[in-house]
Amino acid sequence: MGGFGSQYFSRQLDPDKVVAMFNIEMIGKVAKFGPNTAFITGYERSDFGPLLQQNLQGSPFRFEPDPYPEQNLFYRSDNATLAKLGVPAHTISTDQIPTDKLYHSVDDEIESLDLQNMTAVINAIARSATGIISGQQTPTRVAKE
C-alpha cells in the first residue's frame, strides 16, 4: 500500500539502464478475452506488448491491451514508479476486475484460482520475454512524467 517498496527500489538504480520491467499479478483467473490471453497495462505507452506478441508467433496465446482503462491500472501497481521514470514497465494480468467479487479480498483463496490458466500465462511470458532478455529486443521508453 502506498508504493513504498517500489519507490525505494526505484531509487536504488539508474532507470536509464533498465531495459524493461515485467510486473505480473492477478493471473489466477481467465481473462475477459478468454483462455490463452492476458492483458498488458499501458499497452499503448511503448512497444513492449507487440514485442512480446512477436515472440509468440505460432502460439495460440495473445497479449491484449488493458480492457479496463477507466481503472487506471497502469499507475496503480508496482510498475508505476519505474514507468514514471521512462522505463517500459508494464503489468501483465488476467483478472476480470469489474466482475471478480474476490478481487483484493480476504476470501481470494487458492481454491478460487485457475492454476492451469496461471501456468499458461507464465509459460507465455517466459517464451515472449526471450527477445528482451537476450538483448535482441529493446522496448521503446515510456514518456516520463
Foldseek 3Di string as FASTA:
>chain_A
DPLPVLLVVVVVDDLVPAQAAEAEDAQFDAAPVGFQEKEKEPCVQKVLQVLLVVLQPVHPHHYHHDPCVVVVVQCVDSQNVSLLVFHNYIYIHGDPVVPPPCVPHPPPDPVVGRVVRVVSVVVSCVRSCVCVVVVVDGMGTGDHD
